[in-house]
Protein backbone atom coordinates (compact mmCIF):
# COMPACT_ATOMS: atom_id res chain seq x y z
CA MET A 1 -133.60 -195.68 -142.02
CA GLY A 2 -132.45 -192.35 -141.09
CA ALA A 3 -130.12 -191.23 -138.27
CA SER A 4 -131.96 -193.13 -135.49
CA PRO A 5 -129.71 -196.12 -135.45
CA LEU A 6 -126.87 -194.22 -135.77
CA LEU A 7 -127.75 -192.09 -132.90
CA ARG A 8 -128.78 -195.24 -130.72
CA THR A 9 -125.52 -196.89 -131.40
CA TYR A 10 -123.62 -193.61 -130.23
CA LEU A 11 -125.76 -193.28 -127.25
CA ASN A 12 -125.13 -196.83 -126.23
CA GLU A 13 -121.31 -196.10 -126.70
CA ILE A 14 -121.07 -192.90 -124.71
CA GLY A 15 -123.32 -193.99 -121.78
CA PRO A 16 -126.07 -192.31 -119.89
CA LYS A 17 -124.18 -189.49 -118.03
CA ASP A 18 -122.51 -188.24 -121.31
CA ALA A 19 -125.90 -188.58 -123.04
CA ARG A 20 -127.42 -186.26 -120.13
CA GLY A 21 -124.61 -183.82 -120.78
CA ILE A 22 -125.41 -183.62 -124.49
CA LEU A 23 -128.97 -183.13 -123.84
CA LEU A 24 -128.40 -180.28 -121.30
CA PHE A 25 -126.08 -178.46 -123.71
CA ASN A 26 -128.47 -178.54 -126.49
CA VAL A 27 -131.40 -177.35 -124.30
CA VAL A 28 -129.07 -174.43 -122.97
CA MET A 29 -127.87 -173.64 -126.57
CA LEU A 30 -131.37 -173.52 -128.12
CA LEU A 31 -133.05 -171.67 -125.13
CA LEU A 32 -133.40 -168.43 -126.93
CA LEU A 33 -135.37 -170.20 -129.41
CA GLU A 34 -137.28 -172.39 -126.97
CA LEU A 35 -138.47 -169.68 -124.62
CA PRO A 36 -140.22 -167.69 -127.29
CA LEU A 37 -141.68 -170.65 -128.98
CA ALA A 38 -143.26 -171.75 -125.53
CA GLY A 39 -144.53 -168.29 -125.06
CA PHE A 40 -146.37 -168.38 -128.32
CA ILE A 41 -147.93 -171.75 -127.37
CA PHE A 42 -148.97 -170.92 -123.94
CA ALA A 43 -149.45 -167.15 -123.86
CA PRO A 44 -149.67 -165.91 -127.65
CA GLU A 45 -151.31 -162.46 -126.56
CA TRP A 46 -148.34 -160.90 -124.71
CA THR A 47 -145.36 -162.91 -126.23
CA PRO A 48 -144.63 -160.50 -129.20
CA ASP A 49 -144.47 -157.54 -126.69
CA ALA A 50 -142.20 -159.50 -124.44
CA VAL A 51 -139.89 -160.57 -127.28
CA ALA A 52 -139.76 -156.82 -128.37
CA ARG A 53 -138.90 -155.83 -124.93
CA ALA A 54 -136.16 -158.38 -124.74
CA LYS A 55 -134.71 -157.39 -128.21
CA ILE A 56 -134.60 -153.68 -127.05
CA TRP A 57 -132.89 -154.48 -123.74
CA ILE A 58 -130.43 -156.60 -125.40
CA ALA A 59 -129.77 -153.86 -127.99
CA GLU A 60 -129.16 -151.46 -124.93
CA HIS A 61 -126.98 -153.75 -122.72
CA TRP A 62 -124.83 -155.82 -125.43
CA HIS A 63 -121.65 -154.11 -124.45
CA ARG A 64 -121.82 -155.39 -120.86
CA PHE A 65 -122.28 -158.98 -122.11
CA ALA A 66 -119.46 -158.59 -124.52
CA LEU A 67 -117.07 -157.04 -121.79
CA ILE A 68 -117.84 -159.68 -119.44
CA GLY A 69 -117.55 -162.60 -121.91
CA PHE A 70 -114.38 -161.14 -123.54
CA GLY A 71 -112.80 -160.52 -120.19
CA THR A 72 -113.59 -163.77 -118.80
CA VAL A 73 -112.20 -165.63 -121.92
CA GLY A 74 -109.03 -163.38 -121.75
CA ALA A 75 -108.70 -164.07 -118.00
CA LEU A 76 -108.82 -167.78 -118.51
CA LEU A 77 -106.32 -167.63 -121.46
CA ILE A 78 -103.81 -165.64 -119.33
CA LEU A 79 -104.46 -168.17 -116.46
CA LYS A 80 -103.74 -170.94 -119.05
CA GLY A 81 -100.75 -169.33 -120.11
CA THR A 82 -99.24 -168.83 -116.80
CA ILE A 83 -100.02 -172.47 -115.64
CA GLY A 84 -98.33 -173.82 -118.81
CA LEU A 85 -95.18 -171.45 -118.10
CA ILE A 86 -95.00 -172.46 -114.54
CA SER A 87 -95.36 -176.13 -115.03
């Protein structure tokens, strides 16, 4: 039996627009897994070097992503609190 009937029932209830949103979310969420996998399938000779270079680049620039990410979340939380205080 499996999860297929449950998934089909759920997708029938939510509609096609929401199903596309769920699919897009999962594709974006798994992008860091899918890109190297596609690289190993289509260009196995240079993919290990590309993955190693990407890991080095991320290790050198992680602080910038953390600053931007936490800064954005903080700004949105301040905005949400301000809107809640005003209204």
